[in-house]
Amino acid sequence: MDAFAFSTAQKIILLIIPLIFAITVHEAAHGYVANMFGDPTAKMMGRLTLNPIKHIDPVGTLLIPGALILAMFMVGNRFIFGWAKPVPVTWQNLRNPRRDMALVALAGPGVNFLMAIAWGAIAKFGIMILDDQQMLGLSLAYMGLMGILINLVLMVLNLIPIPPLDGSRVVASLLPPKTAYHYNRIEPYGFFILIALLVTNILPMIIAPPMMFLYHLITVVFGLRV
């Protein structure tokens, strides 16, 4: 695949599409599963939708990912992440709060994995039509490969057990209630912990091995020439 066929602006556009969906569908999945287990909070607030506009956070969905995408092309940054407005979940409404909260949390990373597979299929389709529709094929292939990467990064990132990431909700559900309470008190500092891990390059080192393993697996399954 010849990514050099695209200008920087075109590459940014092709990156933004899977990034927006990766972030916003992740949040919608939390709401759908919470509603399934008895909490209608997200539904009542109009968040059970795949419309990205309902989930966009100006900083986490636009500003930070946009800056990281620009840094990718300007200084070679290889790490992109972001977040949407968290879907509200009233855990007391859940039928089995400790178990169901873990399942609600896992819904986000789970849907990112499914989207990574879907983008693999899109990339494969793009490669298949290259001979007849070169520009369309290149666009779909490039966007598909970026979609795989972005969704896997978000999946693995969110499974890190640092509150308020999804992995911490799973860990808290497995801990005794008193221990879980103290563990969740880390949440106000979670963002700063993540920033510290990012600027010290520890966060990419944590995420890269599982993400690259899954990326290789998906590209092999779809027979992508990368």
Protein backbone atom coordinates (compact mmCIF):
# COMPACT_ATOMS: atom_id res chain seq x y z
CA MET A 1 0.00 0.00 0.00
CA ASP A 2 1.44 3.34 -1.05
CA ALA A 3 0.64 5.78 1.76
CA PHE A 4 2.80 8.37 -0.04
CA ALA A 5 -0.10 8.85 -2.47
CA PHE A 6 -1.77 11.02 0.19
CA SER A 7 -0.93 14.51 1.36
CA THR A 8 -0.55 15.18 5.08
CA ALA A 9 -4.02 16.76 5.17
CA GLN A 10 -5.55 13.69 3.49
CA LYS A 11 -3.82 11.36 5.95
CA ILE A 12 -5.17 13.39 8.87
CA ILE A 13 -8.71 13.15 7.50
CA LEU A 14 -8.35 9.40 7.00
CA LEU A 15 -7.08 9.08 10.59
CA ILE A 16 -9.80 11.22 12.14
CA ILE A 17 -12.67 9.07 10.83
CA PRO A 18 -11.69 5.83 12.64
CA LEU A 19 -10.47 7.81 15.67
CA ILE A 20 -13.82 9.56 16.20
CA PHE A 21 -15.74 6.30 15.90
CA ALA A 22 -13.28 4.40 18.11
CA ILE A 23 -13.72 6.90 20.92
CA THR A 24 -17.46 7.57 20.66
CA VAL A 25 -18.70 4.03 19.99
CA HIS A 26 -16.59 2.93 22.96
CA GLU A 27 -18.66 5.22 25.20
CA ALA A 28 -21.97 4.26 23.59
CA ALA A 29 -21.19 0.60 24.32
CA HIS A 30 -20.95 1.36 28.04
CA GLY A 31 -24.41 2.92 27.92
CA TYR A 32 -25.99 0.08 25.95
CA VAL A 33 -24.69 -2.57 28.34
CA ALA A 34 -25.64 -0.55 31.43
CA ASN A 35 -29.16 -0.19 30.06
CA MET A 36 -29.26 -3.93 29.38
CA PHE A 37 -28.47 -4.60 33.04
CA GLY A 38 -31.06 -2.22 34.43
CA ASP A 39 -29.54 1.28 34.45
CA PRO A 40 -31.41 3.64 32.10
CA THR A 41 -29.32 6.73 33.00
CA ALA A 42 -27.50 6.93 29.66
CA LYS A 43 -30.75 6.32 27.78
CA MET A 44 -32.55 9.11 29.64
CA MET A 45 -29.68 11.49 28.83
CA GLY A 46 -29.77 10.66 25.12
CA ARG A 47 -26.42 8.87 25.12
CA LEU A 48 -27.62 5.57 23.66
CA THR A 49 -26.68 6.66 20.17
CA LEU A 50 -23.89 6.09 17.67
CA ASN A 51 -24.03 9.76 16.71
CA PRO A 52 -20.48 10.98 17.50
CA ILE A 53 -21.69 14.53 18.22
CA LYS A 54 -23.48 13.28 21.36
CA HIS A 55 -20.24 11.86 22.77
CA ILE A 56 -17.57 14.35 21.68
CA ASP A 57 -15.45 15.97 24.37
CA PRO A 58 -13.78 19.11 22.96
CA VAL A 59 -10.47 18.35 24.68
CA GLY A 60 -10.35 14.54 24.70
CA THR A 61 -11.96 13.88 21.32
CA LEU A 62 -10.70 16.85 19.32
CA LEU A 63 -7.86 18.87 20.85
CA ILE A 64 -5.54 16.17 22.25
CA PRO A 65 -5.98 13.60 19.44
CA GLY A 66 -5.62 16.40 16.88
CA ALA A 67 -2.38 17.59 18.48
CA LEU A 68 -1.03 14.04 18.61
CA ILE A 69 -1.93 13.44 14.95
CA LEU A 70 -0.10 16.63 13.96
CA ALA A 71 2.87 15.54 16.06
CA MET A 72 2.83 12.21 14.25
CA PHE A 73 3.50 13.91 10.93
CA MET A 74 5.73 16.71 12.22
CA VAL A 75 8.06 15.00 14.72
CA GLY A 76 7.35 11.31 14.25
CA ASN A 77 5.12 10.74 17.30
CA ARG A 78 3.69 7.21 17.09
CA PHE A 79 1.13 7.32 19.91
CA ILE A 80 -2.46 8.56 19.56
CA PHE A 81 -5.16 8.42 22.17
CA GLY A 82 -8.18 10.37 23.34
CA TRP A 83 -11.48 10.11 25.14
CA ALA A 84 -15.13 11.06 24.81
CA LYS A 85 -17.56 12.41 27.39
CA PRO A 86 -17.99 9.54 29.86
CA VAL A 87 -21.38 7.87 29.62
CA PRO A 88 -23.11 8.25 33.01
CA VAL A 89 -23.74 4.98 34.83
CA THR A 90 -25.69 4.81 38.09
CA TRP A 91 -24.27 1.62 39.51
CA GLN A 92 -26.99 1.36 42.18
CA ASN A 93 -29.52 0.75 39.38
CA LEU A 94 -27.68 -2.31 38.09
CA ARG A 95 -29.26 -5.63 39.00
CA ASN A 96 -25.98 -7.06 40.28
CA PRO A 97 -23.85 -3.93 40.76
CA ARG A 98 -20.40 -5.47 41.29
CA ARG A 99 -20.67 -8.00 38.47
CA ASP A 100 -22.59 -5.77 36.08
CA MET A 101 -20.26 -2.80 36.56
CA ALA A 102 -17.36 -4.99 35.40
CA LEU A 103 -19.34 -6.02 32.31
CA VAL A 104 -20.28 -2.40 31.59
CA ALA A 105 -16.60 -1.47 31.83
CA LEU A 106 -15.51 -4.31 29.53
CA ALA A 107 -18.06 -3.27 26.89
CA GLY A 108 -15.90 -0.34 25.77
CA PRO A 109 -12.65 -2.24 25.13
CA GLY A 110 -14.69 -5.13 23.75
CA VAL A 111 -16.32 -2.98 21.09
CA ASN A 112 -12.92 -1.48 20.22
CA PHE A 113 -11.67 -5.00 19.49
CA LEU A 114 -14.70 -5.69 17.29
CA MET A 115 -14.13 -2.39 15.45
CA ALA A 116 -10.48 -3.33 14.92
CA ILE A 117 -11.66 -6.51 13.20
CA ALA A 118 -14.19 -4.53 11.15
CA TRP A 119 -11.48 -2.11 10.03
CA GLY A 120 -9.38 -5.11 9.05
CA ALA A 121 -12.18 -6.21 6.72
CA ILE A 122 -12.40 -2.67 5.29
CA ALA A 123 -8.63 -2.60 4.69
CA LYS A 124 -8.86 -5.97 2.93
CA PHE A 125 -11.68 -4.72 0.72
CA GLY A 126 -9.63 -1.64 -0.15
CA ILE A 127 -6.71 -3.81 -1.23
CA MET A 128 -9.02 -6.05 -3.28
CA ILE A 129 -10.35 -3.13 -5.36
CA LEU A 130 -6.96 -1.44 -5.92
CA ASP A 131 -6.75 -2.53 -9.55
CA ASP A 132 -10.15 -1.05 -10.46
CA GLN A 133 -10.47 1.86 -8.03
CA GLN A 134 -6.94 2.81 -7.02
CA MET A 135 -7.61 5.99 -5.01
CA LEU A 136 -10.68 4.58 -3.26
CA GLY A 137 -8.85 1.34 -2.58
CA LEU A 138 -5.81 3.14 -1.15
CA SER A 139 -8.05 5.32 1.02
CA LEU A 140 -9.94 2.36 2.46
CA ALA A 141 -6.76 0.35 2.98
CA TYR A 142 -4.95 3.19 4.77
CA MET A 143 -7.99 4.11 6.85
CA GLY A 144 -8.59 0.45 7.70
CA LEU A 145 -5.03 -0.12 8.88
CA MET A 146 -5.14 3.05 10.98
CA GLY A 147 -8.54 1.96 12.33
CA ILE A 148 -7.04 -1.33 13.51
CA LEU A 149 -4.17 0.46 15.27
CA ILE A 150 -6.31 3.16 16.88
CA ASN A 151 -8.91 0.73 18.24
CA LEU A 152 -6.28 -1.63 19.61
CA VAL A 153 -4.45 1.23 21.32
CA LEU A 154 -7.69 2.40 22.96
CA MET A 155 -8.63 -1.15 23.93
CA VAL A 156 -5.31 -1.92 25.61
CA LEU A 157 -5.05 1.56 27.16
CA ASN A 158 -8.47 1.28 28.76
CA LEU A 159 -7.69 -2.14 30.21
CA ILE A 160 -4.84 -0.68 32.29
CA PRO A 161 -6.06 -0.87 35.93
CA ILE A 162 -5.61 2.82 36.77
CA PRO A 163 -8.83 4.54 37.86
CA PRO A 164 -10.90 5.75 36.06
CA LEU A 165 -9.90 3.51 33.13
CA ASP A 166 -12.16 0.55 32.41
CA GLY A 167 -9.64 -1.96 33.69
CA SER A 168 -9.87 -0.40 37.14
CA ARG A 169 -13.65 -1.02 37.21
CA VAL A 170 -13.03 -4.70 36.57
CA VAL A 171 -10.36 -4.87 39.29
CA ALA A 172 -12.61 -3.01 41.76
CA SER A 173 -15.42 -5.51 41.15
CA LEU A 174 -13.09 -8.34 42.13
CA LEU A 175 -11.75 -6.70 45.29
CA PRO A 176 -13.46 -6.80 48.70
CA PRO A 177 -15.75 -3.75 49.04
CA LYS A 178 -13.54 -1.93 51.56
CA THR A 179 -10.39 -2.48 49.50
CA ALA A 180 -12.24 -1.44 46.33
CA TYR A 181 -13.29 1.81 48.05
CA HIS A 182 -9.70 2.74 48.87
CA TYR A 183 -8.54 1.65 45.41
CA ASN A 184 -11.12 3.89 43.70
CA ARG A 185 -9.91 6.88 45.73
CA ILE A 186 -6.95 7.00 43.32
CA GLU A 187 -9.34 8.20 40.58
CA PRO A 188 -8.78 11.99 40.99
CA TYR A 189 -5.08 11.38 40.33
CA GLY A 190 -5.52 8.87 37.51
CA PHE A 191 -5.21 11.38 34.69
CA PHE A 192 -1.98 12.79 36.11
CA ILE A 193 -0.59 9.27 36.53
CA LEU A 194 -1.33 8.58 32.86
CA ILE A 195 0.28 11.85 31.74
CA ALA A 196 3.38 11.02 33.80
CA LEU A 197 3.55 7.57 32.23
CA LEU A 198 3.14 9.13 28.79
CA VAL A 199 5.84 11.80 29.09
CA THR A 200 8.28 9.28 30.55
CA ASN A 201 7.54 6.94 27.61
CA ILE A 202 6.44 4.18 29.98
CA LEU A 203 2.83 4.18 28.75
CA PRO A 204 3.71 3.35 25.11
CA MET A 205 6.04 0.62 26.39
CA ILE A 206 3.14 -0.93 28.34
CA ILE A 207 0.68 -0.70 25.48
CA ALA A 208 2.91 -1.65 22.52
CA PRO A 209 3.50 -5.41 23.10
CA PRO A 210 -0.15 -6.56 23.40
CA MET A 211 -1.30 -4.02 20.80
CA MET A 212 1.28 -5.13 18.21
CA PHE A 213 0.53 -8.80 18.88
CA LEU A 214 -3.17 -8.24 18.16
CA TYR A 215 -2.39 -6.00 15.17
CA HIS A 216 -0.21 -8.72 13.67
CA LEU A 217 -2.92 -11.31 14.36
CA ILE A 218 -5.64 -9.28 12.62
CA THR A 219 -3.47 -8.45 9.60
CA VAL A 220 -2.51 -12.13 9.23
CA VAL A 221 -6.14 -13.25 9.47
CA PHE A 222 -7.16 -10.83 6.70
CA GLY A 223 -4.05 -11.42 4.63
CA LEU A 224 -3.16 -7.74 4.55
CA ARG A 225 0.05 -6.81 2.74
CA VAL A 226 1.65 -4.47 5.30
